[in-house]
Amino acid sequence: MDTAEYMLSGGRYFYAVLMCHLSIEKALKGFYQDRLSVMLPKTHNLIYLLNKAGIKPPESIGRFVVKLNEASVMTRYPEDIDKLEKDYTQTIVRDMIAKNKEVLAWINAQF
């Protein structure tokens, strides 16, 4: 999350979104490994990770995770950087970072 906030402060908004995704991905993989003592297959799909971990988020968190999961491909492999720069403004990304912190807190509470 520190990197997401750093990217936000530097105006690198869609990279901040990518860092948000990565932080949730790593938290879910850590939860899965802690709970089941096995490594997950290599994936970036947050919905898959939630399902494999066997945890069901509250509706608001679930909606955000779906939104972030969809953003991942666009930010990881940007074909249209100009569109991303218009879609992810400072205000939108600041809100995403705040929501991302809520999701991470929820995941940590599941341990």
PDB file of N, CA and C in Angstrom:
ATOM      1  N   MET A   1       0.809  -1.189   0.000  1.00  0.00           N
ATOM      2  CA  MET A   1       0.000   0.000   0.000  1.00  0.00           C
ATOM      3  C   MET A   1       0.856   1.258   0.000  1.00  0.00           C
ATOM      4  N   ASP A   2       2.030   1.152   0.579  1.00  0.00           N
ATOM      5  CA  ASP A   2       2.931   2.309   0.547  1.00  0.00           C
ATOM      6  C   ASP A   2       3.255   2.691  -0.895  1.00  0.00           C
ATOM      7  N   THR A   3       3.473   1.692  -1.730  1.00  0.00           N
ATOM      8  CA  THR A   3       3.795   1.967  -3.132  1.00  0.00           C
ATOM      9  C   THR A   3       2.592   2.561  -3.845  1.00  0.00           C
ATOM     10  N   ALA A   4       1.391   2.076  -3.549  1.00  0.00           N
ATOM     11  CA  ALA A   4       0.180   2.651  -4.154  1.00  0.00           C
ATOM     12  C   ALA A   4       0.057   4.126  -3.783  1.00  0.00           C
ATOM     13  N   GLU A   5       0.285   4.435  -2.517  1.00  0.00           N
ATOM     14  CA  GLU A   5       0.201   5.828  -2.082  1.00  0.00           C
ATOM     15  C   GLU A   5       1.305   6.677  -2.710  1.00  0.00           C
ATOM     16  N   TYR A   6       2.474   6.099  -2.871  1.00  0.00           N
ATOM     17  CA  TYR A   6       3.575   6.819  -3.518  1.00  0.00           C
ATOM     18  C   TYR A   6       3.234   7.108  -4.980  1.00  0.00           C
ATOM     19  N   MET A   7       2.666   6.122  -5.659  1.00  0.00           N
ATOM     20  CA  MET A   7       2.259   6.318  -7.053  1.00  0.00           C
ATOM     21  C   MET A   7       1.170   7.392  -7.143  1.00  0.00           C
ATOM     22  N   LEU A   8       0.243   7.384  -6.194  1.00  0.00           N
ATOM     23  CA  LEU A   8      -0.794   8.413  -6.165  1.00  0.00           C
ATOM     24  C   LEU A   8      -0.175   9.797  -6.005  1.00  0.00           C
ATOM     25  N   SER A   9       0.745   9.927  -5.074  1.00  0.00           N
ATOM     26  CA  SER A   9       1.359  11.241  -4.830  1.00  0.00           C
ATOM     27  C   SER A   9       2.174  11.719  -6.019  1.00  0.00           C
ATOM     28  N   GLY A  10       2.665  10.787  -6.819  1.00  0.00           N
ATOM     29  CA  GLY A  10       3.445  11.155  -7.999  1.00  0.00           C
ATOM     30  C   GLY A  10       2.627  11.292  -9.269  1.00  0.00           C
ATOM     31  N   GLY A  11       1.296  11.152  -9.156  1.00  0.00           N
ATOM     32  CA  GLY A  11       0.441  11.296 -10.329  1.00  0.00           C
ATOM     33  C   GLY A  11       0.419  10.074 -11.235  1.00  0.00           C
ATOM     34  N   ARG A  12       0.921   8.962 -10.756  1.00  0.00           N
ATOM     35  CA  ARG A  12       0.948   7.712 -11.544  1.00  0.00           C
ATOM     36  C   ARG A  12      -0.260   6.874 -11.140  1.00  0.00           C
ATOM     37  N   TYR A  13      -1.426   7.366 -11.484  1.00  0.00           N
ATOM     38  CA  TYR A  13      -2.666   6.855 -10.926  1.00  0.00           C
ATOM     39  C   TYR A  13      -2.974   5.409 -11.285  1.00  0.00           C
ATOM     40  N   PHE A  14      -2.847   5.041 -12.549  1.00  0.00           N
ATOM     41  CA  PHE A  14      -3.210   3.658 -12.850  1.00  0.00           C
ATOM     42  C   PHE A  14      -2.185   2.672 -12.305  1.00  0.00           C
ATOM     43  N   TYR A  15      -0.973   3.128 -12.050  1.00  0.00           N
ATOM     44  CA  TYR A  15      -0.008   2.252 -11.373  1.00  0.00           C
ATOM     45  C   TYR A  15      -0.396   2.075  -9.899  1.00  0.00           C
ATOM     46  N   ALA A  16      -0.997   3.103  -9.318  1.00  0.00           N
ATOM     47  CA  ALA A  16      -1.498   2.979  -7.945  1.00  0.00           C
ATOM     48  C   ALA A  16      -2.594   1.919  -7.881  1.00  0.00           C
ATOM     49  N   VAL A  17      -3.448   1.872  -8.903  1.00  0.00           N
ATOM     50  CA  VAL A  17      -4.503   0.857  -8.964  1.00  0.00           C
ATOM     51  C   VAL A  17      -3.879  -0.533  -9.055  1.00  0.00           C
ATOM     52  N   LEU A  18      -2.860  -0.674  -9.867  1.00  0.00           N
ATOM     53  CA  LEU A  18      -2.168  -1.967  -9.988  1.00  0.00           C
ATOM     54  C   LEU A  18      -1.591  -2.385  -8.635  1.00  0.00           C
ATOM     55  N   MET A  19      -1.009  -1.457  -7.901  1.00  0.00           N
ATOM     56  CA  MET A  19      -0.456  -1.792  -6.586  1.00  0.00           C
ATOM     57  C   MET A  19      -1.548  -2.185  -5.596  1.00  0.00           C
ATOM     58  N   CYS A  20      -2.706  -1.566  -5.708  1.00  0.00           N
ATOM     59  CA  CYS A  20      -3.838  -1.973  -4.871  1.00  0.00           C
ATOM     60  C   CYS A  20      -4.198  -3.426  -5.155  1.00  0.00           C
ATOM     61  N   HIS A  21      -4.284  -3.755  -6.428  1.00  0.00           N
ATOM     62  CA  HIS A  21      -4.602  -5.131  -6.815  1.00  0.00           C
ATOM     63  C   HIS A  21      -3.560  -6.094  -6.263  1.00  0.00           C
ATOM     64  N   LEU A  22      -2.302  -5.765  -6.422  1.00  0.00           N
ATOM     65  CA  LEU A  22      -1.238  -6.654  -5.954  1.00  0.00           C
ATOM     66  C   LEU A  22      -1.292  -6.856  -4.438  1.00  0.00           C
ATOM     67  N   SER A  23      -1.630  -5.814  -3.698  1.00  0.00           N
ATOM     68  CA  SER A  23      -1.675  -5.952  -2.241  1.00  0.00           C
ATOM     69  C   SER A  23      -2.786  -6.912  -1.813  1.00  0.00           C
ATOM     70  N   ILE A  24      -3.929  -6.840  -2.464  1.00  0.00           N
ATOM     71  CA  ILE A  24      -5.017  -7.766  -2.137  1.00  0.00           C
ATOM     72  C   ILE A  24      -4.672  -9.173  -2.602  1.00  0.00           C
ATOM     73  N   GLU A  25      -4.083  -9.278  -3.783  1.00  0.00           N
ATOM     74  CA  GLU A  25      -3.656 -10.589  -4.295  1.00  0.00           C
ATOM     75  C   GLU A  25      -2.715 -11.278  -3.303  1.00  0.00           C
ATOM     76  N   LYS A  26      -1.726 -10.560  -2.823  1.00  0.00           N
ATOM     77  CA  LYS A  26      -0.750 -11.148  -1.895  1.00  0.00           C
ATOM     78  C   LYS A  26      -1.397 -11.487  -0.553  1.00  0.00           C
ATOM     79  N   ALA A  27      -2.317 -10.640  -0.084  1.00  0.00           N
ATOM     80  CA  ALA A  27      -3.006 -10.926   1.174  1.00  0.00           C
ATOM     81  C   ALA A  27      -3.849 -12.198   1.051  1.00  0.00           C
ATOM     82  N   LEU A  28      -4.554 -12.348  -0.072  1.00  0.00           N
ATOM     83  CA  LEU A  28      -5.372 -13.551  -0.270  1.00  0.00           C
ATOM     84  C   LEU A  28      -4.510 -14.796  -0.406  1.00  0.00           C
ATOM     85  N   LYS A  29      -3.401 -14.675  -1.103  1.00  0.00           N
ATOM     86  CA  LYS A  29      -2.500 -15.828  -1.229  1.00  0.00           C
ATOM     87  C   LYS A  29      -1.909 -16.205   0.123  1.00  0.00           C
ATOM     88  N   GLY A  30      -1.581 -15.209   0.927  1.00  0.00           N
ATOM     89  CA  GLY A  30      -1.065 -15.484   2.267  1.00  0.00           C
ATOM     90  C   GLY A  30      -2.115 -16.156   3.139  1.00  0.00           C
ATOM     91  N   PHE A  31      -3.357 -15.680   3.046  1.00  0.00           N
ATOM     92  CA  PHE A  31      -4.448 -16.295   3.804  1.00  0.00           C
ATOM     93  C   PHE A  31      -4.633 -17.750   3.385  1.00  0.00           C
ATOM     94  N   TYR A  32      -4.660 -17.977   2.080  1.00  0.00           N
ATOM     95  CA  TYR A  32      -4.855 -19.325   1.552  1.00  0.00           C
ATOM     96  C   TYR A  32      -3.748 -20.260   2.026  1.00  0.00           C
ATOM     97  N   GLN A  33      -2.531 -19.804   1.925  1.00  0.00           N
ATOM     98  CA  GLN A  33      -1.408 -20.648   2.329  1.00  0.00           C
ATOM     99  C   GLN A  33      -1.437 -20.891   3.842  1.00  0.00           C
ATOM    100  N   ASP A  34      -1.773 -19.877   4.614  1.00  0.00           N
ATOM    101  CA  ASP A  34      -1.839 -20.035   6.068  1.00  0.00           C
ATOM    102  C   ASP A  34      -2.937 -21.017   6.462  1.00  0.00           C
ATOM    103  N   ARG A  35      -4.081 -20.902   5.821  1.00  0.00           N
ATOM    104  CA  ARG A  35      -5.229 -21.739   6.177  1.00  0.00           C
ATOM    105  C   ARG A  35      -5.058 -23.179   5.703  1.00  0.00           C
ATOM    106  N   LEU A  36      -4.553 -23.370   4.467  1.00  0.00           N
ATOM    107  CA  LEU A  36      -4.515 -24.708   3.881  1.00  0.00           C
ATOM    108  C   LEU A  36      -3.119 -25.296   3.737  1.00  0.00           C
ATOM    109  N   SER A  37      -2.121 -24.510   4.053  1.00  0.00           N
ATOM    110  CA  SER A  37      -0.717 -24.956   3.991  1.00  0.00           C
ATOM    111  C   SER A  37      -0.303 -25.473   2.618  1.00  0.00           C
ATOM    112  N   VAL A  38      -0.857 -24.875   1.585  1.00  0.00           N
ATOM    113  CA  VAL A  38      -0.451 -25.206   0.217  1.00  0.00           C
ATOM    114  C   VAL A  38      -0.316 -23.915  -0.585  1.00  0.00           C
ATOM    115  N   MET A  39       0.509 -23.972  -1.603  1.00  0.00           N
ATOM    116  CA  MET A  39       0.685 -22.819  -2.487  1.00  0.00           C
ATOM    117  C   MET A  39      -0.400 -22.825  -3.556  1.00  0.00           C
ATOM    118  N   LEU A  40      -0.899 -21.657  -3.853  1.00  0.00           N
ATOM    119  CA  LEU A  40      -1.867 -21.515  -4.937  1.00  0.00           C
ATOM    120  C   LEU A  40      -1.168 -21.552  -6.282  1.00  0.00           C
ATOM    121  N   PRO A  41      -1.902 -21.947  -7.314  1.00  0.00           N
ATOM    122  CA  PRO A  41      -1.330 -21.806  -8.650  1.00  0.00           C
ATOM    123  C   PRO A  41      -1.107 -20.316  -8.948  1.00  0.00           C
ATOM    124  N   LYS A  42      -0.206 -20.045  -9.856  1.00  0.00           N
ATOM    125  CA  LYS A  42       0.067 -18.649 -10.207  1.00  0.00           C
ATOM    126  C   LYS A  42      -1.157 -18.065 -10.910  1.00  0.00           C
ATOM    127  N   THR A  43      -1.726 -17.057 -10.281  1.00  0.00           N
ATOM    128  CA  THR A  43      -2.892 -16.375 -10.837  1.00  0.00           C
ATOM    129  C   THR A  43      -2.951 -14.968 -10.279  1.00  0.00           C
ATOM    130  N   HIS A  44      -3.587 -14.096 -11.021  1.00  0.00           N
ATOM    131  CA  HIS A  44      -3.826 -12.731 -10.559  1.00  0.00           C
ATOM    132  C   HIS A  44      -5.313 -12.488 -10.317  1.00  0.00           C
ATOM    133  N   ASN A  45      -6.138 -13.512 -10.504  1.00  0.00           N
ATOM    134  CA  ASN A  45      -7.585 -13.379 -10.427  1.00  0.00           C
ATOM    135  C   ASN A  45      -8.043 -13.366  -8.960  1.00  0.00           C
ATOM    136  N   LEU A  46      -8.490 -12.204  -8.504  1.00  0.00           N
ATOM    137  CA  LEU A  46      -8.881 -12.042  -7.105  1.00  0.00           C
ATOM    138  C   LEU A  46     -10.136 -12.843  -6.759  1.00  0.00           C
ATOM    139  N   ILE A  47     -11.055 -12.961  -7.692  1.00  0.00           N
ATOM    140  CA  ILE A  47     -12.281 -13.723  -7.455  1.00  0.00           C
ATOM    141  C   ILE A  47     -11.937 -15.198  -7.271  1.00  0.00           C
ATOM    142  N   TYR A  48     -11.075 -15.701  -8.115  1.00  0.00           N
ATOM    143  CA  TYR A  48     -10.611 -17.088  -7.994  1.00  0.00           C
ATOM    144  C   TYR A  48      -9.963 -17.309  -6.630  1.00  0.00           C
ATOM    145  N   LEU A  49      -9.124 -16.363  -6.219  1.00  0.00           N
ATOM    146  CA  LEU A  49      -8.432 -16.489  -4.934  1.00  0.00           C
ATOM    147  C   LEU A  49      -9.407 -16.479  -3.762  1.00  0.00           C
ATOM    148  N   LEU A  50     -10.402 -15.612  -3.816  1.00  0.00           N
ATOM    149  CA  LEU A  50     -11.419 -15.598  -2.761  1.00  0.00           C
ATOM    150  C   LEU A  50     -12.142 -16.944  -2.694  1.00  0.00           C
ATOM    151  N   ASN A  51     -12.537 -17.447  -3.852  1.00  0.00           N
ATOM    152  CA  ASN A  51     -13.257 -18.723  -3.889  1.00  0.00           C
ATOM    153  C   ASN A  51     -12.397 -19.866  -3.375  1.00  0.00           C
ATOM    154  N   LYS A  52     -11.146 -19.923  -3.799  1.00  0.00           N
ATOM    155  CA  LYS A  52     -10.254 -20.990  -3.352  1.00  0.00           C
ATOM    156  C   LYS A  52      -9.971 -20.898  -1.857  1.00  0.00           C
ATOM    157  N   ALA A  53      -9.906 -19.678  -1.341  1.00  0.00           N
ATOM    158  CA  ALA A  53      -9.653 -19.495   0.086  1.00  0.00           C
ATOM    159  C   ALA A  53     -10.883 -19.843   0.917  1.00  0.00           C
ATOM    160  N   GLY A  54     -12.041 -19.862   0.280  1.00  0.00           N
ATOM    161  CA  GLY A  54     -13.262 -20.232   0.981  1.00  0.00           C
ATOM    162  C   GLY A  54     -13.810 -19.152   1.892  1.00  0.00           C
ATOM    163  N   ILE A  55     -13.531 -17.903   1.570  1.00  0.00           N
ATOM    164  CA  ILE A  55     -14.077 -16.815   2.369  1.00  0.00           C
ATOM    165  C   ILE A  55     -14.996 -15.973   1.507  1.00  0.00           C
ATOM    166  N   LYS A  56     -16.097 -15.529   2.086  1.00  0.00           N
ATOM    167  CA  LYS A  56     -17.075 -14.727   1.356  1.00  0.00           C
ATOM    168  C   LYS A  56     -17.105 -13.330   1.956  1.00  0.00           C
ATOM    169  N   PRO A  57     -16.745 -12.348   1.147  1.00  0.00           N
ATOM    170  CA  PRO A  57     -16.713 -10.976   1.666  1.00  0.00           C
ATOM    171  C   PRO A  57     -18.113 -10.383   1.772  1.00  0.00           C
ATOM    172  N   PRO A  58     -18.261  -9.355   2.600  1.00  0.00           N
ATOM    173  CA  PRO A  58     -19.511  -8.590   2.591  1.00  0.00           C
ATOM    174  C   PRO A  58     -19.723  -8.005   1.186  1.00  0.00           C
ATOM    175  N   GLU A  59     -20.953  -7.668   0.875  1.00  0.00           N
ATOM    176  CA  GLU A  59     -21.296  -7.232  -0.482  1.00  0.00           C
ATOM    177  C   GLU A  59     -20.455  -6.055  -0.973  1.00  0.00           C
ATOM    178  N   SER A  60     -20.258  -5.047  -0.139  1.00  0.00           N
ATOM    179  CA  SER A  60     -19.509  -3.862  -0.593  1.00  0.00           C
ATOM    180  C   SER A  60     -18.058  -4.214  -0.907  1.00  0.00           C
ATOM    181  N   ILE A  61     -17.477  -5.079  -0.104  1.00  0.00           N
ATOM    182  CA  ILE A  61     -16.096  -5.506  -0.364  1.00  0.00           C
ATOM    183  C   ILE A  61     -16.050  -6.370  -1.614  1.00  0.00           C
ATOM    184  N   GLY A  62     -17.015  -7.262  -1.759  1.00  0.00           N
ATOM    185  CA  GLY A  62     -17.072  -8.111  -2.949  1.00  0.00           C
ATOM    186  C   GLY A  62     -17.180  -7.297  -4.228  1.00  0.00           C
ATOM    187  N   ARG A  63     -18.019  -6.267  -4.207  1.00  0.00           N
ATOM    188  CA  ARG A  63     -18.162  -5.409  -5.402  1.00  0.00           C
ATOM    189  C   ARG A  63     -16.852  -4.707  -5.735  1.00  0.00           C
ATOM    190  N   PHE A  64     -16.166  -4.210  -4.701  1.00  0.00           N
ATOM    191  CA  PHE A  64     -14.897  -3.535  -4.950  1.00  0.00           C
ATOM    192  C   PHE A  64     -13.859  -4.508  -5.509  1.00  0.00           C
ATOM    193  N   VAL A  65     -13.812  -5.723  -4.968  1.00  0.00           N
ATOM    194  CA  VAL A  65     -12.846  -6.714  -5.446  1.00  0.00           C
ATOM    195  C   VAL A  65     -13.121  -7.055  -6.913  1.00  0.00           C
ATOM    196  N   VAL A  66     -14.375  -7.168  -7.288  1.00  0.00           N
ATOM    197  CA  VAL A  66     -14.722  -7.423  -8.699  1.00  0.00           C
ATOM    198  C   VAL A  66     -14.229  -6.263  -9.567  1.00  0.00           C
ATOM    199  N   LYS A  67     -14.486  -5.040  -9.123  1.00  0.00           N
ATOM    200  CA  LYS A  67     -14.046  -3.848  -9.878  1.00  0.00           C
ATOM    201  C   LYS A  67     -12.523  -3.827 -10.022  1.00  0.00           C
ATOM    202  N   LEU A  68     -11.832  -4.108  -8.943  1.00  0.00           N
ATOM    203  CA  LEU A  68     -10.370  -4.106  -8.968  1.00  0.00           C
ATOM    204  C   LEU A  68      -9.839  -5.248  -9.829  1.00  0.00           C
ATOM    205  N   ASN A  69     -10.491  -6.380  -9.774  1.00  0.00           N
ATOM    206  CA  ASN A  69     -10.092  -7.534 -10.583  1.00  0.00           C
ATOM    207  C   ASN A  69     -10.191  -7.193 -12.068  1.00  0.00           C
ATOM    208  N   GLU A  70     -11.264  -6.511 -12.457  1.00  0.00           N
ATOM    209  CA  GLU A  70     -11.447  -6.107 -13.858  1.00  0.00           C
ATOM    210  C   GLU A  70     -10.407  -5.068 -14.272  1.00  0.00           C
ATOM    211  N   ALA A  71     -10.023  -4.194 -13.353  1.00  0.00           N
ATOM    212  CA  ALA A  71      -9.033  -3.157 -13.653  1.00  0.00           C
ATOM    213  C   ALA A  71      -7.638  -3.739 -13.822  1.00  0.00           C
ATOM    214  N   SER A  72      -7.400  -4.890 -13.237  1.00  0.00           N
ATOM    215  CA  SER A  72      -6.060  -5.466 -13.223  1.00  0.00           C
ATOM    216  C   SER A  72      -5.495  -5.682 -14.618  1.00  0.00           C
ATOM    217  N   VAL A  73      -6.281  -6.262 -15.500  1.00  0.00           N
ATOM    218  CA  VAL A  73      -5.775  -6.554 -16.844  1.00  0.00           C
ATOM    219  C   VAL A  73      -5.438  -5.261 -17.569  1.00  0.00           C
ATOM    220  N   MET A  74      -6.310  -4.270 -17.420  1.00  0.00           N
ATOM    221  CA  MET A  74      -6.070  -2.993 -18.108  1.00  0.00           C
ATOM    222  C   MET A  74      -4.817  -2.299 -17.593  1.00  0.00           C
ATOM    223  N   THR A  75      -4.589  -2.362 -16.278  1.00  0.00           N
ATOM    224  CA  THR A  75      -3.434  -1.665 -15.724  1.00  0.00           C
ATOM    225  C   THR A  75      -2.154  -2.483 -15.862  1.00  0.00           C
ATOM    226  N   ARG A  76      -2.289  -3.794 -15.896  1.00  0.00           N
ATOM    227  CA  ARG A  76      -1.114  -4.657 -16.020  1.00  0.00           C
ATOM    228  C   ARG A  76      -0.584  -4.668 -17.460  1.00  0.00           C
ATOM    229  N   TYR A  77      -1.509  -4.636 -18.416  1.00  0.00           N
ATOM    230  CA  TYR A  77      -1.144  -4.695 -19.829  1.00  0.00           C
ATOM    231  C   TYR A  77      -1.855  -3.562 -20.570  1.00  0.00           C
ATOM    232  N   PRO A  78      -1.449  -2.332 -20.318  1.00  0.00           N
ATOM    233  CA  PRO A  78      -2.192  -1.201 -20.889  1.00  0.00           C
ATOM    234  C   PRO A  78      -2.020  -1.075 -22.400  1.00  0.00           C
ATOM    235  N   GLU A  79      -3.147  -1.150 -23.092  1.00  0.00           N
ATOM    236  CA  GLU A  79      -3.131  -0.924 -24.535  1.00  0.00           C
ATOM    237  C   GLU A  79      -3.426   0.539 -24.850  1.00  0.00           C
ATOM    238  N   ASP A  80      -4.211   1.170 -24.001  1.00  0.00           N
ATOM    239  CA  ASP A  80      -4.613   2.551 -24.224  1.00  0.00           C
ATOM    240  C   ASP A  80      -4.329   3.363 -22.969  1.00  0.00           C
ATOM    241  N   ILE A  81      -3.093   3.800 -22.848  1.00  0.00           N
ATOM    242  CA  ILE A  81      -2.672   4.537 -21.658  1.00  0.00           C
ATOM    243  C   ILE A  81      -3.453   5.840 -21.509  1.00  0.00           C
ATOM    244  N   ASP A  82      -3.770   6.497 -22.615  1.00  0.00           N
ATOM    245  CA  ASP A  82      -4.537   7.740 -22.527  1.00  0.00           C
ATOM    246  C   ASP A  82      -5.898   7.511 -21.884  1.00  0.00           C
ATOM    247  N   LYS A  83      -6.557   6.413 -22.234  1.00  0.00           N
ATOM    248  CA  LYS A  83      -7.855   6.092 -21.636  1.00  0.00           C
ATOM    249  C   LYS A  83      -7.695   5.814 -20.148  1.00  0.00           C
ATOM    250  N   LEU A  84      -6.668   5.058 -19.780  1.00  0.00           N
ATOM    251  CA  LEU A  84      -6.437   4.766 -18.363  1.00  0.00           C
ATOM    252  C   LEU A  84      -6.210   6.049 -17.576  1.00  0.00           C
ATOM    253  N   GLU A  85      -5.459   6.960 -18.159  1.00  0.00           N
ATOM    254  CA  GLU A  85      -5.177   8.214 -17.463  1.00  0.00           C
ATOM    255  C   GLU A  85      -6.443   9.035 -17.269  1.00  0.00           C
ATOM    256  N   LYS A  86      -7.399   8.921 -18.183  1.00  0.00           N
ATOM    257  CA  LYS A  86      -8.677   9.626 -18.027  1.00  0.00           C
ATOM    258  C   LYS A  86      -9.586   8.909 -17.039  1.00  0.00           C
ATOM    259  N   ASP A  87      -9.552   7.581 -17.044  1.00  0.00           N
ATOM    260  CA  ASP A  87     -10.424   6.792 -16.170  1.00  0.00           C
ATOM    261  C   ASP A  87      -9.992   6.863 -14.711  1.00  0.00           C
ATOM    262  N   TYR A  88      -8.694   6.905 -14.462  1.00  0.00           N
ATOM    263  CA  TYR A  88      -8.184   6.867 -13.092  1.00  0.00           C
ATOM    264  C   TYR A  88      -7.614   8.219 -12.710  1.00  0.00           C
ATOM    265  N   THR A  89      -8.509   9.057 -12.220  1.00  0.00           N
ATOM    266  CA  THR A  89      -8.117  10.391 -11.774  1.00  0.00           C
ATOM    267  C   THR A  89      -7.631  10.318 -10.329  1.00  0.00           C
ATOM    268  N   GLN A  90      -7.070  11.399  -9.868  1.00  0.00           N
ATOM    269  CA  GLN A  90      -6.578  11.459  -8.493  1.00  0.00           C
ATOM    270  C   GLN A  90      -7.702  11.153  -7.498  1.00  0.00           C
ATOM    271  N   THR A  91      -8.861  11.734  -7.702  1.00  0.00           N
ATOM    272  CA  THR A  91      -9.981  11.520  -6.785  1.00  0.00           C
ATOM    273  C   THR A  91     -10.423  10.066  -6.777  1.00  0.00           C
ATOM    274  N   ILE A  92     -10.560   9.479  -7.948  1.00  0.00           N
ATOM    275  CA  ILE A  92     -10.989   8.077  -8.049  1.00  0.00           C
ATOM    276  C   ILE A  92      -9.970   7.158  -7.390  1.00  0.00           C
ATOM    277  N   VAL A  93      -8.715   7.385  -7.661  1.00  0.00           N
ATOM    278  CA  VAL A  93      -7.678   6.500  -7.112  1.00  0.00           C
ATOM    279  C   VAL A  93      -7.539   6.696  -5.608  1.00  0.00           C
ATOM    280  N   ARG A  94      -7.675   7.910  -5.126  1.00  0.00           N
ATOM    281  CA  ARG A  94      -7.637   8.138  -3.676  1.00  0.00           C
ATOM    282  C   ARG A  94      -8.749   7.328  -2.996  1.00  0.00           C
ATOM    283  N   ASP A  95      -9.955   7.340  -3.587  1.00  0.00           N
ATOM    284  CA  ASP A  95     -11.068   6.559  -3.042  1.00  0.00           C
ATOM    285  C   ASP A  95     -10.787   5.063  -3.135  1.00  0.00           C
ATOM    286  N   MET A  96     -10.173   4.633  -4.229  1.00  0.00           N
ATOM    287  CA  MET A  96      -9.842   3.217  -4.386  1.00  0.00           C
ATOM    288  C   MET A  96      -8.830   2.764  -3.327  1.00  0.00           C
ATOM    289  N   ILE A  97      -7.862   3.602  -3.047  1.00  0.00           N
ATOM    290  CA  ILE A  97      -6.862   3.261  -2.029  1.00  0.00           C
ATOM    291  C   ILE A  97      -7.533   3.131  -0.660  1.00  0.00           C
ATOM    292  N   ALA A  98      -8.444   4.036  -0.353  1.00  0.00           N
ATOM    293  CA  ALA A  98      -9.153   3.961   0.930  1.00  0.00           C
ATOM    294  C   ALA A  98      -9.966   2.666   1.017  1.00  0.00           C
ATOM    295  N   LYS A  99     -10.668   2.332  -0.050  1.00  0.00           N
ATOM    296  CA  LYS A  99     -11.460   1.091  -0.059  1.00  0.00           C
ATOM    297  C   LYS A  99     -10.546  -0.126  -0.006  1.00  0.00           C
ATOM    298  N   ASN A 100      -9.415  -0.055  -0.672  1.00  0.00           N
ATOM    299  CA  ASN A 100      -8.459  -1.161  -0.669  1.00  0.00           C
ATOM    300  C   ASN A 100      -7.978  -1.453   0.752  1.00  0.00           C
ATOM    301  N   LYS A 101      -7.758  -0.400   1.516  1.00  0.00           N
ATOM    302  CA  LYS A 101      -7.339  -0.578   2.911  1.00  0.00           C
ATOM    303  C   LYS A 101      -8.425  -1.282   3.717  1.00  0.00           C
ATOM    304  N   GLU A 102      -9.692  -0.978   3.428  1.00  0.00           N
ATOM    305  CA  GLU A 102     -10.798  -1.673   4.090  1.00  0.00           C
ATOM    306  C   GLU A 102     -10.779  -3.163   3.757  1.00  0.00           C
ATOM    307  N   VAL A 103     -10.532  -3.469   2.486  1.00  0.00           N
ATOM    308  CA  VAL A 103     -10.487  -4.870   2.056  1.00  0.00           C
ATOM    309  C   VAL A 103      -9.338  -5.592   2.752  1.00  0.00           C
ATOM    310  N   LEU A 104      -8.184  -4.974   2.807  1.00  0.00           N
ATOM    311  CA  LEU A 104      -7.049  -5.597   3.478  1.00  0.00           C
ATOM    312  C   LEU A 104      -7.326  -5.822   4.955  1.00  0.00           C
ATOM    313  N   ALA A 105      -7.970  -4.880   5.595  1.00  0.00           N
ATOM    314  CA  ALA A 105      -8.340  -5.040   7.012  1.00  0.00           C
ATOM    315  C   ALA A 105      -9.305  -6.219   7.175  1.00  0.00           C
ATOM    316  N   TRP A 106     -10.263  -6.344   6.247  1.00  0.00           N
ATOM    317  CA  TRP A 106     -11.212  -7.454   6.307  1.00  0.00           C
ATOM    318  C   TRP A 106     -10.474  -8.790   6.131  1.00  0.00           C
ATOM    319  N   ILE A 107      -9.569  -8.854   5.159  1.00  0.00           N
ATOM    320  CA  ILE A 107      -8.817 -10.098   4.935  1.00  0.00           C
ATOM    321  C   ILE A 107      -8.014 -10.440   6.185  1.00  0.00           C
ATOM    322  N   ASN A 108      -7.319  -9.469   6.754  1.00  0.00           N
ATOM    323  CA  ASN A 108      -6.513  -9.714   7.964  1.00  0.00           C
ATOM    324  C   ASN A 108      -7.383 -10.176   9.123  1.00  0.00           C
ATOM    325  N   ALA A 109      -8.630  -9.702   9.191  1.00  0.00           N
ATOM    326  CA  ALA A 109      -9.523 -10.135  10.269  1.00  0.00           C
ATOM    327  C   ALA A 109      -9.957 -11.591  10.104  1.00  0.00           C
ATOM    328  N   GLN A 110      -9.771 -12.161   8.912  1.00  0.00           N
ATOM    329  CA  GLN A 110     -10.159 -13.549   8.664  1.00  0.00           C
ATOM    330  C   GLN A 110      -9.126 -14.536   9.190  1.00  0.00           C
ATOM    331  N   PHE A 111      -7.905 -14.079   9.466  1.00  0.00           N
ATOM    332  CA  PHE A 111      -6.845 -14.989   9.939  1.00  0.00           C
ATOM    333  C   PHE A 111      -7.164 -15.518  11.321  1.00  0.00           C
TER     334      PHE A 111
END
